[in-house]
């Protein structure tokens, strides 16, 4: 019984740490895309926004990426 509880706890910790890591990666990509916009590199920014939406569709950054893409006319 103790082994099962420990296994379940370890799986939960792994799952939640993986989720937060995805959020950090999505945020990092979003910040890079914003930087690309500031550098007048719209094509690269659009590619990064597209990547965010494809890789992290459930993140808040996917919604932000859609807004930025619309502002860029895509």
C-alpha atoms as a PDB file:
ATOM      1  CA  UNK A   1       0.000   0.000   0.000  1.00  0.00           C
ATOM      2  CA  UNK A   2       2.783   2.444   0.906  1.00  0.00           C
ATOM      3  CA  UNK A   3       4.544   1.682  -2.381  1.00  0.00           C
ATOM      4  CA  UNK A   4       1.386   2.455  -4.377  1.00  0.00           C
ATOM      5  CA  UNK A   5       0.862   5.742  -2.564  1.00  0.00           C
ATOM      6  CA  UNK A   6       4.482   6.729  -3.142  1.00  0.00           C
ATOM      7  CA  UNK A   7       4.215   5.807  -6.813  1.00  0.00           C
ATOM      8  CA  UNK A   8       1.063   7.865  -7.262  1.00  0.00           C
ATOM      9  CA  UNK A   9       2.630  10.828  -5.464  1.00  0.00           C
ATOM     10  CA  UNK A  10       5.733  10.618  -7.660  1.00  0.00           C
ATOM     11  CA  UNK A  11       3.602  10.477 -10.808  1.00  0.00           C
ATOM     12  CA  UNK A  12       1.627  13.522  -9.709  1.00  0.00           C
ATOM     13  CA  UNK A  13       4.791  15.474  -9.000  1.00  0.00           C
ATOM     14  CA  UNK A  14       6.180  14.536 -12.405  1.00  0.00           C
ATOM     15  CA  UNK A  15       2.945  15.512 -14.142  1.00  0.00           C
ATOM     16  CA  UNK A  16       2.664  18.888 -12.445  1.00  0.00           C
ATOM     17  CA  UNK A  17       6.327  19.739 -12.936  1.00  0.00           C
ATOM     18  CA  UNK A  18       6.001  18.908 -16.641  1.00  0.00           C
ATOM     19  CA  UNK A  19       2.979  21.190 -16.936  1.00  0.00           C
ATOM     20  CA  UNK A  20       4.728  24.131 -15.358  1.00  0.00           C
ATOM     21  CA  UNK A  21       7.765  23.525 -17.557  1.00  0.00           C
ATOM     22  CA  UNK A  22       5.571  23.756 -20.647  1.00  0.00           C
ATOM     23  CA  UNK A  23       4.249  27.078 -19.420  1.00  0.00           C
ATOM     24  CA  UNK A  24       7.778  28.358 -18.991  1.00  0.00           C
ATOM     25  CA  UNK A  25       8.710  27.241 -22.493  1.00  0.00           C
ATOM     26  CA  UNK A  26       5.621  28.869 -23.974  1.00  0.00           C
ATOM     27  CA  UNK A  27       6.414  32.078 -22.113  1.00  0.00           C
ATOM     28  CA  UNK A  28      10.012  32.011 -23.330  1.00  0.00           C
ATOM     29  CA  UNK A  29       8.904  31.583 -26.946  1.00  0.00           C
ATOM     30  CA  UNK A  30       6.365  34.386 -26.558  1.00  0.00           C
ATOM     31  CA  UNK A  31       8.986  36.753 -25.164  1.00  0.00           C
ATOM     32  CA  UNK A  32      11.330  35.873 -28.013  1.00  0.00           C
ATOM     33  CA  UNK A  33       8.553  36.557 -30.533  1.00  0.00           C
ATOM     34  CA  UNK A  34       7.898  39.941 -28.943  1.00  0.00           C
ATOM     35  CA  UNK A  35      11.603  40.737 -29.181  1.00  0.00           C
ATOM     36  CA  UNK A  36      11.542  39.751 -32.860  1.00  0.00           C
ATOM     37  CA  UNK A  37       8.653  42.150 -33.397  1.00  0.00           C
ATOM     38  CA  UNK A  38      10.639  44.956 -31.792  1.00  0.00           C
ATOM     39  CA  UNK A  39      13.537  44.133 -34.096  1.00  0.00           C
ATOM     40  CA  UNK A  40      11.180  44.454 -37.105  1.00  0.00           C
ATOM     41  CA  UNK A  41      11.489  40.738 -37.862  1.00  0.00           C
ATOM     42  CA  UNK A  42       7.810  40.028 -38.272  1.00  0.00           C
ATOM     43  CA  UNK A  43       8.209  36.801 -40.221  1.00  0.00           C
ATOM     44  CA  UNK A  44      10.226  35.182 -37.446  1.00  0.00           C
ATOM     45  CA  UNK A  45       7.794  36.491 -34.829  1.00  0.00           C
ATOM     46  CA  UNK A  46       4.899  34.944 -36.772  1.00  0.00           C
ATOM     47  CA  UNK A  47       6.716  31.611 -36.908  1.00  0.00           C
ATOM     48  CA  UNK A  48       7.301  31.701 -33.166  1.00  0.00           C
ATOM     49  CA  UNK A  49       3.653  32.560 -32.495  1.00  0.00           C
ATOM     50  CA  UNK A  50       2.612  29.680 -34.747  1.00  0.00           C
ATOM     51  CA  UNK A  51       4.926  27.353 -32.821  1.00  0.00           C
ATOM     52  CA  UNK A  52       3.411  28.440 -29.503  1.00  0.00           C
ATOM     53  CA  UNK A  53      -0.099  27.725 -30.739  1.00  0.00           C
ATOM     54  CA  UNK A  54       0.919  24.325 -32.127  1.00  0.00           C
ATOM     55  CA  UNK A  55       3.011  23.166 -29.160  1.00  0.00           C
ATOM     56  CA  UNK A  56       1.138  24.707 -26.253  1.00  0.00           C
ATOM     57  CA  UNK A  57      -2.485  25.156 -27.394  1.00  0.00           C
ATOM     58  CA  UNK A  58      -3.864  25.164 -23.847  1.00  0.00           C
ATOM     59  CA  UNK A  59      -1.487  27.786 -22.487  1.00  0.00           C
ATOM     60  CA  UNK A  60      -2.401  31.404 -21.928  1.00  0.00           C
ATOM     61  CA  UNK A  61       0.428  32.260 -24.307  1.00  0.00           C
ATOM     62  CA  UNK A  62      -1.346  30.505 -27.169  1.00  0.00           C
ATOM     63  CA  UNK A  63      -4.204  32.981 -26.780  1.00  0.00           C
ATOM     64  CA  UNK A  64      -1.772  35.883 -26.583  1.00  0.00           C
ATOM     65  CA  UNK A  65       0.004  34.581 -29.684  1.00  0.00           C
ATOM     66  CA  UNK A  66      -3.288  34.549 -31.597  1.00  0.00           C
ATOM     67  CA  UNK A  67      -3.898  38.170 -30.628  1.00  0.00           C
ATOM     68  CA  UNK A  68      -0.416  39.181 -31.761  1.00  0.00           C
ATOM     69  CA  UNK A  69      -0.805  37.305 -35.052  1.00  0.00           C
ATOM     70  CA  UNK A  70      -4.069  39.126 -35.703  1.00  0.00           C
ATOM     71  CA  UNK A  71      -2.353  42.439 -34.971  1.00  0.00           C
ATOM     72  CA  UNK A  72       0.332  41.521 -37.482  1.00  0.00           C
ATOM     73  CA  UNK A  73      -2.318  40.743 -40.059  1.00  0.00           C
ATOM     74  CA  UNK A  74      -2.084  36.954 -40.080  1.00  0.00           C
END
